[in-house]
C-alpha atoms as a PDB file:
ATOM      1  CA  MET A   1       0.441  67.412  -2.679  1.00  0.00           C
ATOM      2  CA  ARG A   2      -0.319  71.451  -2.831  1.00  0.00           C
ATOM      3  CA  LEU A   3      -4.066  72.025  -2.618  1.00  0.00           C
ATOM      4  CA  LYS A   4      -5.394  75.137  -4.078  1.00  0.00           C
ATOM      5  CA  PHE A   5      -7.457  77.238  -1.159  1.00  0.00           C
ATOM      6  CA  PRO A   6     -10.969  75.973  -1.809  1.00  0.00           C
ATOM      7  CA  GLN A   7      -9.970  72.300  -2.240  1.00  0.00           C
ATOM      8  CA  PHE A   8      -7.616  72.558   0.804  1.00  0.00           C
ATOM      9  CA  LEU A   9     -11.030  73.548   2.507  1.00  0.00           C
ATOM     10  CA  VAL A  10     -13.211  70.662   1.287  1.00  0.00           C
ATOM     11  CA  VAL A  11     -10.033  68.201   2.385  1.00  0.00           C
ATOM     12  CA  LEU A  12     -10.148  70.071   6.046  1.00  0.00           C
ATOM     13  CA  LEU A  13     -13.746  69.812   5.827  1.00  0.00           C
ATOM     14  CA  MET A  14     -13.748  65.607   4.817  1.00  0.00           C
ATOM     15  CA  ILE A  15     -11.430  65.086   7.516  1.00  0.00           C
ATOM     16  CA  GLY A  16     -13.565  66.790  10.495  1.00  0.00           C
ATOM     17  CA  GLY A  17     -15.681  64.145   9.697  1.00  0.00           C
ATOM     18  CA  LEU A  18     -13.911  61.281  10.267  1.00  0.00           C
ATOM     19  CA  MET A  19     -13.141  62.579  13.916  1.00  0.00           C
ATOM     20  CA  LEU A  20     -15.664  61.127  16.991  1.00  0.00           C
ATOM     21  CA  GLY A  21     -18.552  64.013  17.528  1.00  0.00           C
ATOM     22  CA  GLY A  22     -19.814  65.421  20.532  1.00  0.00           C
ATOM     23  CA  CYS A  23     -18.630  62.628  23.242  1.00  0.00           C
ATOM     24  CA  SER A  24     -16.565  65.171  24.440  1.00  0.00           C
ATOM     25  CA  THR A  25     -14.578  68.192  24.004  1.00  0.00           C
ATOM     26  CA  GLU A  26     -11.614  65.953  23.807  1.00  0.00           C
ATOM     27  CA  LYS A  27     -13.235  63.426  21.414  1.00  0.00           C
ATOM     28  CA  VAL A  28     -13.850  65.915  18.548  1.00  0.00           C
ATOM     29  CA  ALA A  29     -12.055  63.514  16.085  1.00  0.00           C
ATOM     30  CA  SER A  30     -12.227  60.270  17.146  1.00  0.00           C
ATOM     31  CA  ASN A  31     -15.401  57.903  16.931  1.00  0.00           C
ATOM     32  CA  THR A  32     -16.622  59.309  13.412  1.00  0.00           C
ATOM     33  CA  SER A  33     -13.807  60.151  11.307  1.00  0.00           C
ATOM     34  CA  PRO A  34     -11.171  62.301   9.871  1.00  0.00           C
ATOM     35  CA  THR A  35     -12.968  65.244  10.228  1.00  0.00           C
ATOM     36  CA  SER A  36     -10.400  68.220  10.942  1.00  0.00           C
ATOM     37  CA  THR A  37      -6.937  66.695  10.296  1.00  0.00           C
ATOM     38  CA  ALA A  38      -5.400  70.394   9.931  1.00  0.00           C
ATOM     39  CA  THR A  39      -6.973  71.658  13.480  1.00  0.00           C
ATOM     40  CA  SER A  40      -6.082  67.798  15.504  1.00  0.00           C
ATOM     41  CA  LYS A  41      -2.795  68.139  13.987  1.00  0.00           C
ATOM     42  CA  THR A  42      -2.326  71.787  16.115  1.00  0.00           C
ATOM     43  CA  THR A  43      -4.308  69.931  19.488  1.00  0.00           C
ATOM     44  CA  GLU A  44      -1.908  67.172  18.897  1.00  0.00           C
ATOM     45  CA  ALA A  45       1.077  68.515  18.738  1.00  0.00           C
ATOM     46  CA  SER A  46       0.377  70.427  21.910  1.00  0.00           C
ATOM     47  CA  SER A  47      -0.863  67.321  23.868  1.00  0.00           C
ATOM     48  CA  LYS A  48       1.293  65.694  26.329  1.00  0.00           C
ATOM     49  CA  SER A  49       1.155  62.555  25.589  1.00  0.00           C
ATOM     50  CA  THR A  50       4.301  60.486  26.748  1.00  0.00           C
ATOM     51  CA  ALA A  51       4.467  57.238  24.988  1.00  0.00           C
ATOM     52  CA  GLU A  52       7.118  56.594  23.185  1.00  0.00           C
ATOM     53  CA  ALA A  53       7.415  53.551  20.069  1.00  0.00           C
ATOM     54  CA  THR A  54       7.234  50.476  22.261  1.00  0.00           C
ATOM     55  CA  THR A  55       7.036  46.786  21.330  1.00  0.00           C
ATOM     56  CA  VAL A  56       4.230  44.665  21.539  1.00  0.00           C
ATOM     57  CA  SER A  57       5.733  42.548  24.983  1.00  0.00           C
ATOM     58  CA  GLU A  58       6.396  45.837  26.409  1.00  0.00           C
ATOM     59  CA  THR A  59       3.080  47.065  26.054  1.00  0.00           C
ATOM     60  CA  SER A  60       1.937  44.264  28.249  1.00  0.00           C
ATOM     61  CA  SER A  61       3.412  46.671  31.104  1.00  0.00           C
ATOM     62  CA  GLU A  62       2.010  49.271  32.071  1.00  0.00           C
ATOM     63  CA  SER A  63       4.218  51.732  29.655  1.00  0.00           C
ATOM     64  CA  ILE A  64       0.995  53.011  28.232  1.00  0.00           C
ATOM     65  CA  PRO A  65      -2.011  52.509  30.597  1.00  0.00           C
ATOM     66  CA  GLY A  66      -4.754  49.874  29.822  1.00  0.00           C
ATOM     67  CA  MET A  67      -2.287  48.101  26.601  1.00  0.00           C
ATOM     68  CA  LYS A  68      -2.004  44.962  28.793  1.00  0.00           C
ATOM     69  CA  ASN A  69      -5.934  44.952  28.790  1.00  0.00           C
ATOM     70  CA  LEU A  70      -6.119  44.962  24.983  1.00  0.00           C
ATOM     71  CA  PRO A  71      -6.323  42.049  22.731  1.00  0.00           C
ATOM     72  CA  ARG A  72      -4.134  41.828  20.135  1.00  0.00           C
ATOM     73  CA  LEU A  73      -3.170  40.083  16.959  1.00  0.00           C
ATOM     74  CA  GLU A  74      -0.694  37.966  16.050  1.00  0.00           C
ATOM     75  CA  GLY A  75      -0.677  37.762  12.369  1.00  0.00           C
ATOM     76  CA  LYS A  76      -3.589  37.715   9.916  1.00  0.00           C
ATOM     77  CA  ALA A  77      -7.245  37.582   9.704  1.00  0.00           C
ATOM     78  CA  THR A  78      -9.738  37.363   7.583  1.00  0.00           C
ATOM     79  CA  VAL A  79     -13.455  38.834   8.367  1.00  0.00           C
ATOM     80  CA  VAL A  80     -16.154  38.370   6.010  1.00  0.00           C
ATOM     81  CA  MET A  81     -18.528  41.834   6.882  1.00  0.00           C
ATOM     82  CA  THR A  82     -22.220  41.340   5.018  1.00  0.00           C
ATOM     83  CA  VAL A  83     -24.024  44.407   3.964  1.00  0.00           C
ATOM     84  CA  ASN A  84     -26.878  44.299   1.510  1.00  0.00           C
ATOM     85  CA  GLY A  85     -26.697  40.164   1.505  1.00  0.00           C
ATOM     86  CA  SER A  86     -23.920  40.703  -0.378  1.00  0.00           C
ATOM     87  CA  PRO A  87     -20.020  39.962   1.261  1.00  0.00           C
ATOM     88  CA  ILE A  88     -17.134  42.293   1.956  1.00  0.00           C
ATOM     89  CA  THR A  89     -13.792  40.396   3.012  1.00  0.00           C
ATOM     90  CA  ILE A  90     -11.547  42.221   4.785  1.00  0.00           C
ATOM     91  CA  GLU A  91      -7.681  40.927   5.216  1.00  0.00           C
ATOM     92  CA  VAL A  92      -6.767  42.551   8.927  1.00  0.00           C
ATOM     93  CA  ASP A  93      -3.210  43.089   9.910  1.00  0.00           C
ATOM     94  CA  GLY A  94      -1.845  41.951  12.974  1.00  0.00           C
ATOM     95  CA  SER A  95       1.479  41.900  12.444  1.00  0.00           C
ATOM     96  CA  ASP A  96       1.830  45.695  11.580  1.00  0.00           C
ATOM     97  CA  ALA A  97      -0.945  47.189  13.680  1.00  0.00           C
ATOM     98  CA  PRO A  98      -1.661  44.276  16.503  1.00  0.00           C
ATOM     99  CA  ILE A  99      -3.279  45.811  18.860  1.00  0.00           C
ATOM    100  CA  THR A 100      -6.047  47.794  16.611  1.00  0.00           C
ATOM    101  CA  ALA A 101      -6.096  44.583  14.269  1.00  0.00           C
ATOM    102  CA  GLY A 102      -6.836  42.800  18.306  1.00  0.00           C
ATOM    103  CA  ASN A 103      -9.285  45.596  18.703  1.00  0.00           C
ATOM    104  CA  PHE A 104     -11.604  44.778  15.570  1.00  0.00           C
ATOM    105  CA  VAL A 105     -11.473  40.736  15.449  1.00  0.00           C
ATOM    106  CA  ASP A 106     -12.255  41.048  18.903  1.00  0.00           C
ATOM    107  CA  LEU A 107     -15.378  42.628  18.534  1.00  0.00           C
ATOM    108  CA  VAL A 108     -16.592  41.021  15.697  1.00  0.00           C
ATOM    109  CA  GLN A 109     -15.729  37.674  17.553  1.00  0.00           C
ATOM    110  CA  LYS A 110     -18.067  39.590  19.995  1.00  0.00           C
ATOM    111  CA  GLY A 111     -20.803  40.274  18.014  1.00  0.00           C
ATOM    112  CA  VAL A 112     -20.348  44.246  18.484  1.00  0.00           C
ATOM    113  CA  TYR A 113     -20.669  45.015  14.910  1.00  0.00           C
ATOM    114  CA  ASN A 114     -23.727  42.966  14.012  1.00  0.00           C
ATOM    115  CA  GLY A 115     -26.723  45.114  13.080  1.00  0.00           C
ATOM    116  CA  LEU A 116     -25.104  48.734  13.311  1.00  0.00           C
ATOM    117  CA  ALA A 117     -25.341  51.360  11.211  1.00  0.00           C
ATOM    118  CA  PHE A 118     -22.829  53.523   8.676  1.00  0.00           C
ATOM    119  CA  HIS A 119     -23.796  56.556   9.924  1.00  0.00           C
ATOM    120  CA  ARG A 120     -21.456  59.065   7.626  1.00  0.00           C
ATOM    121  CA  VAL A 121     -20.923  58.172   4.015  1.00  0.00           C
ATOM    122  CA  VAL A 122     -19.068  60.801   1.997  1.00  0.00           C
ATOM    123  CA  ARG A 123     -18.516  60.620  -2.109  1.00  0.00           C
ATOM    124  CA  SER A 124     -19.415  64.363  -2.560  1.00  0.00           C
ATOM    125  CA  PRO A 125     -17.392  66.374  -3.839  1.00  0.00           C
ATOM    126  CA  GLN A 126     -15.036  63.704  -3.804  1.00  0.00           C
ATOM    127  CA  PRO A 127     -15.054  60.008  -2.753  1.00  0.00           C
ATOM    128  CA  PHE A 128     -13.816  59.643   0.870  1.00  0.00           C
ATOM    129  CA  VAL A 129     -14.911  57.412   3.639  1.00  0.00           C
ATOM    130  CA  VAL A 130     -17.848  55.131   4.410  1.00  0.00           C
ATOM    131  CA  GLN A 131     -18.202  54.963   8.403  1.00  0.00           C
ATOM    132  CA  GLY A 132     -19.780  52.732  11.020  1.00  0.00           C
ATOM    133  CA  GLY A 133     -19.255  51.126  14.058  1.00  0.00           C
ATOM    134  CA  ASP A 134     -21.085  52.842  16.567  1.00  0.00           C
ATOM    135  CA  PRO A 135     -23.014  50.942  18.756  1.00  0.00           C
ATOM    136  CA  GLN A 136     -25.266  53.326  19.962  1.00  0.00           C
ATOM    137  CA  SER A 137     -26.752  52.875  15.946  1.00  0.00           C
ATOM    138  CA  LYS A 138     -28.430  49.266  17.241  1.00  0.00           C
ATOM    139  CA  ASP A 139     -31.077  51.008  18.416  1.00  0.00           C
ATOM    140  CA  PRO A 140     -33.316  52.591  15.187  1.00  0.00           C
ATOM    141  CA  LYS A 141     -34.684  55.097  17.075  1.00  0.00           C
ATOM    142  CA  PHE A 142     -31.434  56.695  18.118  1.00  0.00           C
ATOM    143  CA  PRO A 143     -31.296  60.240  16.921  1.00  0.00           C
ATOM    144  CA  ALA A 144     -29.195  59.926  13.746  1.00  0.00           C
ATOM    145  CA  ALA A 145     -27.751  63.786  14.710  1.00  0.00           C
ATOM    146  CA  ARG A 146     -26.201  62.027  17.769  1.00  0.00           C
ATOM    147  CA  LEU A 147     -24.326  58.815  16.075  1.00  0.00           C
ATOM    148  CA  GLY A 148     -20.507  59.214  15.855  1.00  0.00           C
ATOM    149  CA  THR A 149     -20.271  59.218  19.385  1.00  0.00           C
ATOM    150  CA  GLY A 150     -20.205  56.202  21.005  1.00  0.00           C
ATOM    151  CA  GLY A 151     -17.524  53.510  21.546  1.00  0.00           C
ATOM    152  CA  TYR A 152     -17.487  49.818  22.514  1.00  0.00           C
ATOM    153  CA  ILE A 153     -18.648  49.793  26.223  1.00  0.00           C
ATOM    154  CA  ASP A 154     -16.343  46.576  27.834  1.00  0.00           C
ATOM    155  CA  PRO A 155     -18.485  44.998  30.749  1.00  0.00           C
ATOM    156  CA  LYS A 156     -15.179  44.139  32.190  1.00  0.00           C
ATOM    157  CA  ILE A 157     -14.269  47.644  32.740  1.00  0.00           C
ATOM    158  CA  GLY A 158     -18.066  49.262  32.260  1.00  0.00           C
ATOM    159  CA  THR A 159     -16.967  51.445  30.420  1.00  0.00           C
ATOM    160  CA  GLU A 160     -15.653  52.357  26.856  1.00  0.00           C
ATOM    161  CA  ARG A 161     -12.573  50.616  25.541  1.00  0.00           C
ATOM    162  CA  ARG A 162     -10.161  53.055  23.502  1.00  0.00           C
ATOM    163  CA  ILE A 163      -7.195  51.289  22.183  1.00  0.00           C
ATOM    164  CA  PRO A 164      -3.963  53.745  21.578  1.00  0.00           C
ATOM    165  CA  LEU A 165      -2.831  55.554  18.325  1.00  0.00           C
ATOM    166  CA  GLU A 166      -0.950  52.784  16.608  1.00  0.00           C
ATOM    167  CA  ILE A 167       1.235  53.341  13.471  1.00  0.00           C
ATOM    168  CA  LYS A 168       3.870  51.499  12.127  1.00  0.00           C
ATOM    169  CA  PRO A 169       7.084  53.483   9.944  1.00  0.00           C
ATOM    170  CA  GLU A 170       8.460  51.909   7.241  1.00  0.00           C
ATOM    171  CA  GLY A 171      11.276  50.674   8.247  1.00  0.00           C
ATOM    172  CA  ALA A 172      10.880  50.265  12.002  1.00  0.00           C
ATOM    173  CA  LYS A 173      10.820  46.977  13.626  1.00  0.00           C
ATOM    174  CA  GLU A 174       7.813  48.182  15.890  1.00  0.00           C
ATOM    175  CA  PRO A 175       4.893  50.634  14.974  1.00  0.00           C
ATOM    176  CA  ILE A 176       4.847  54.089  17.552  1.00  0.00           C
ATOM    177  CA  TYR A 177       2.156  54.291  20.083  1.00  0.00           C
ATOM    178  CA  SER A 178      -0.166  57.312  21.124  1.00  0.00           C
ATOM    179  CA  LYS A 179       1.454  59.606  18.793  1.00  0.00           C
ATOM    180  CA  THR A 180       0.882  60.641  14.927  1.00  0.00           C
ATOM    181  CA  LEU A 181       3.960  60.655  12.887  1.00  0.00           C
ATOM    182  CA  GLU A 182       4.494  64.114  12.875  1.00  0.00           C
ATOM    183  CA  MET A 183       4.472  64.498  16.431  1.00  0.00           C
ATOM    184  CA  ALA A 184       6.792  61.828  16.921  1.00  0.00           C
ATOM    185  CA  ARG A 185       8.481  63.716  14.288  1.00  0.00           C
ATOM    186  CA  VAL A 186       9.124  60.421  11.935  1.00  0.00           C
ATOM    187  CA  ASN A 187       9.672  61.244   8.102  1.00  0.00           C
ATOM    188  CA  GLN A 188       9.037  57.989   7.251  1.00  0.00           C
ATOM    189  CA  ALA A 189       5.444  57.211   5.530  1.00  0.00           C
ATOM    190  CA  PRO A 190       3.624  54.272   7.607  1.00  0.00           C
ATOM    191  CA  VAL A 191       3.490  50.384   6.444  1.00  0.00           C
ATOM    192  CA  LEU A 192      -0.029  50.857   5.959  1.00  0.00           C
ATOM    193  CA  LYS A 193      -1.402  53.639   3.802  1.00  0.00           C
ATOM    194  CA  HIS A 194      -4.943  55.401   3.265  1.00  0.00           C
ATOM    195  CA  LYS A 195      -5.414  53.831  -0.410  1.00  0.00           C
ATOM    196  CA  LEU A 196      -8.655  52.628  -1.926  1.00  0.00           C
ATOM    197  CA  GLY A 197     -10.045  49.903  -0.139  1.00  0.00           C
ATOM    198  CA  ALA A 198      -8.132  50.870   3.524  1.00  0.00           C
ATOM    199  CA  VAL A 199      -9.851  50.125   6.578  1.00  0.00           C
ATOM    200  CA  ALA A 200      -8.836  52.551   9.406  1.00  0.00           C
ATOM    201  CA  MET A 201     -10.023  53.518  12.947  1.00  0.00           C
ATOM    202  CA  ALA A 202     -11.610  56.309  13.574  1.00  0.00           C
ATOM    203  CA  ARG A 203     -10.841  58.979  15.966  1.00  0.00           C
ATOM    204  CA  SER A 204     -11.406  62.045  18.122  1.00  0.00           C
ATOM    205  CA  GLN A 205      -8.305  64.545  18.666  1.00  0.00           C
ATOM    206  CA  SER A 206      -6.739  62.532  21.305  1.00  0.00           C
ATOM    207  CA  PRO A 207      -4.583  60.067  19.907  1.00  0.00           C
ATOM    208  CA  ASP A 208      -5.905  57.398  22.685  1.00  0.00           C
ATOM    209  CA  SER A 209      -9.345  57.328  21.471  1.00  0.00           C
ATOM    210  CA  ALA A 210     -10.566  55.315  19.029  1.00  0.00           C
ATOM    211  CA  SER A 211     -13.322  52.387  20.488  1.00  0.00           C
ATOM    212  CA  SER A 212     -15.100  50.182  18.017  1.00  0.00           C
ATOM    213  CA  GLN A 213     -15.812  52.609  14.741  1.00  0.00           C
ATOM    214  CA  PHE A 214     -14.053  52.160  11.962  1.00  0.00           C
ATOM    215  CA  TYR A 215     -13.967  53.903   8.291  1.00  0.00           C
ATOM    216  CA  PHE A 216     -13.668  52.113   4.730  1.00  0.00           C
ATOM    217  CA  ALA A 217     -11.577  54.802   2.272  1.00  0.00           C
ATOM    218  CA  LEU A 218     -13.124  55.391  -1.063  1.00  0.00           C
ATOM    219  CA  ALA A 219      -9.824  56.702  -2.630  1.00  0.00           C
ATOM    220  CA  ASP A 220      -6.487  57.097  -1.722  1.00  0.00           C
ATOM    221  CA  LEU A 221      -6.152  59.105   1.148  1.00  0.00           C
ATOM    222  CA  GLY A 222      -2.363  59.768   1.538  1.00  0.00           C
ATOM    223  CA  PHE A 223      -3.466  62.934   3.461  1.00  0.00           C
ATOM    224  CA  LEU A 224      -4.512  60.539   6.756  1.00  0.00           C
ATOM    225  CA  ASP A 225      -1.762  58.917   6.874  1.00  0.00           C
ATOM    226  CA  GLY A 226       0.331  58.851   9.548  1.00  0.00           C
ATOM    227  CA  ASN A 227      -2.761  60.290  11.443  1.00  0.00           C
ATOM    228  CA  TYR A 228      -4.997  57.527  11.861  1.00  0.00           C
ATOM    229  CA  ALA A 229      -4.707  53.939  12.193  1.00  0.00           C
ATOM    230  CA  VAL A 230      -5.254  51.652   8.753  1.00  0.00           C
ATOM    231  CA  PHE A 231      -5.053  48.112  10.546  1.00  0.00           C
ATOM    232  CA  GLY A 232      -6.465  46.213   7.277  1.00  0.00           C
ATOM    233  CA  TYR A 233      -7.746  46.378   3.453  1.00  0.00           C
ATOM    234  CA  VAL A 234     -10.602  44.855   1.436  1.00  0.00           C
ATOM    235  CA  THR A 235     -10.004  42.080  -0.696  1.00  0.00           C
ATOM    236  CA  GLU A 236     -13.393  40.786  -2.325  1.00  0.00           C
ATOM    237  CA  GLY A 237     -16.475  42.965  -2.299  1.00  0.00           C
ATOM    238  CA  PHE A 238     -15.270  46.525  -2.854  1.00  0.00           C
ATOM    239  CA  ASP A 239     -18.020  47.041  -5.138  1.00  0.00           C
ATOM    240  CA  VAL A 240     -20.137  46.273  -2.024  1.00  0.00           C
ATOM    241  CA  VAL A 241     -18.751  49.100  -0.316  1.00  0.00           C
ATOM    242  CA  ASN A 242     -19.137  51.521  -3.124  1.00  0.00           C
ATOM    243  CA  LYS A 243     -22.756  50.837  -2.857  1.00  0.00           C
ATOM    244  CA  ILE A 244     -23.147  51.910   0.892  1.00  0.00           C
ATOM    245  CA  GLN A 245     -25.254  54.493   1.776  1.00  0.00           C
ATOM    246  CA  GLN A 246     -25.957  56.112   4.818  1.00  0.00           C
ATOM    247  CA  GLY A 247     -28.072  54.409   7.307  1.00  0.00           C
ATOM    248  CA  ASP A 248     -27.422  50.833   5.644  1.00  0.00           C
ATOM    249  CA  ARG A 249     -26.843  48.523   8.344  1.00  0.00           C
ATOM    250  CA  ILE A 250     -23.874  45.711   8.768  1.00  0.00           C
ATOM    251  CA  GLU A 251     -25.175  42.008   8.836  1.00  0.00           C
ATOM    252  CA  SER A 252     -23.185  40.140  10.004  1.00  0.00           C
ATOM    253  CA  ALA A 253     -19.429  40.257  10.439  1.00  0.00           C
ATOM    254  CA  THR A 254     -17.485  36.910  10.973  1.00  0.00           C
ATOM    255  CA  VAL A 255     -13.810  35.922  11.231  1.00  0.00           C
ATOM    256  CA  THR A 256     -13.212  33.252   8.693  1.00  0.00           C
ATOM    257  CA  GLN A 257      -9.784  32.834   9.152  1.00  0.00           C
ATOM    258  CA  GLY A 258      -7.084  33.645  11.411  1.00  0.00           C
ATOM    259  CA  ALA A 259      -9.009  33.920  14.662  1.00  0.00           C
ATOM    260  CA  GLU A 260      -6.038  31.714  16.275  1.00  0.00           C
ATOM    261  CA  ASN A 261      -3.809  35.011  15.856  1.00  0.00           C
ATOM    262  CA  LEU A 262      -5.507  36.723  18.541  1.00  0.00           C
ATOM    263  CA  LYS A 263      -4.353  36.766  21.915  1.00  0.00           C
ATOM    264  CA  SER A 264      -6.821  38.122  24.904  1.00  0.00           C
ATOM    265  CA  GLY A 265      -5.584  41.053  26.909  1.00  0.00           C
ATOM    266  CA  GLN A 266      -3.871  39.697  30.453  1.00  0.00           C
END
């Protein structure tokens, strides 16, 4: 798709918002939403990430540091998220994004998302994303301007749990980790695409900086494919997503099916 210059600038501004803001220089693109895809492409291309495509079983080793300790979803699960008294049903795909899906389902089961606010909602000049999942937003007194900078602090390690970028190209047996498809020089489209209703992880410029923040795609956002990890889709209640306003909170999030597919880290 060829964009005229003003439209291209709009896209850059929207993508920049998907990135996690303010955690560190490196995290400018992670915990929030796709804010500066074009800028991050240059940064990511020059990064020294060396992880290649690996199988889920291989990730139990330290081929990717810390991977063996991450939960993973071996199959699918259903999560029902209640916002403004109405349910949003999400099909979480652990078949094509086992680590990303496993992280999300694990956090749901831990109750991490209950009470958190949606700190970023972009519908103008065109529908983009609804983003939430910053644990700092649970505190109503936390400065709104600083939301989008936080992630889940794992009590086991005492620091923020981060997961690697995980994207499975069409025709591939396993996902590629720690690289965008451009960085990995893969020309195939991802299996899980940014279509209307997609649920994906926000991250900073570092590919392996996603933690707990996620976003709903309010339109088909193909320009994000291969750069951010989609891990599921809204199957019911997208009308609820469309009504979310900045500051609205997740009243509850529950795994209703597929909890047995979640495998804890070693």
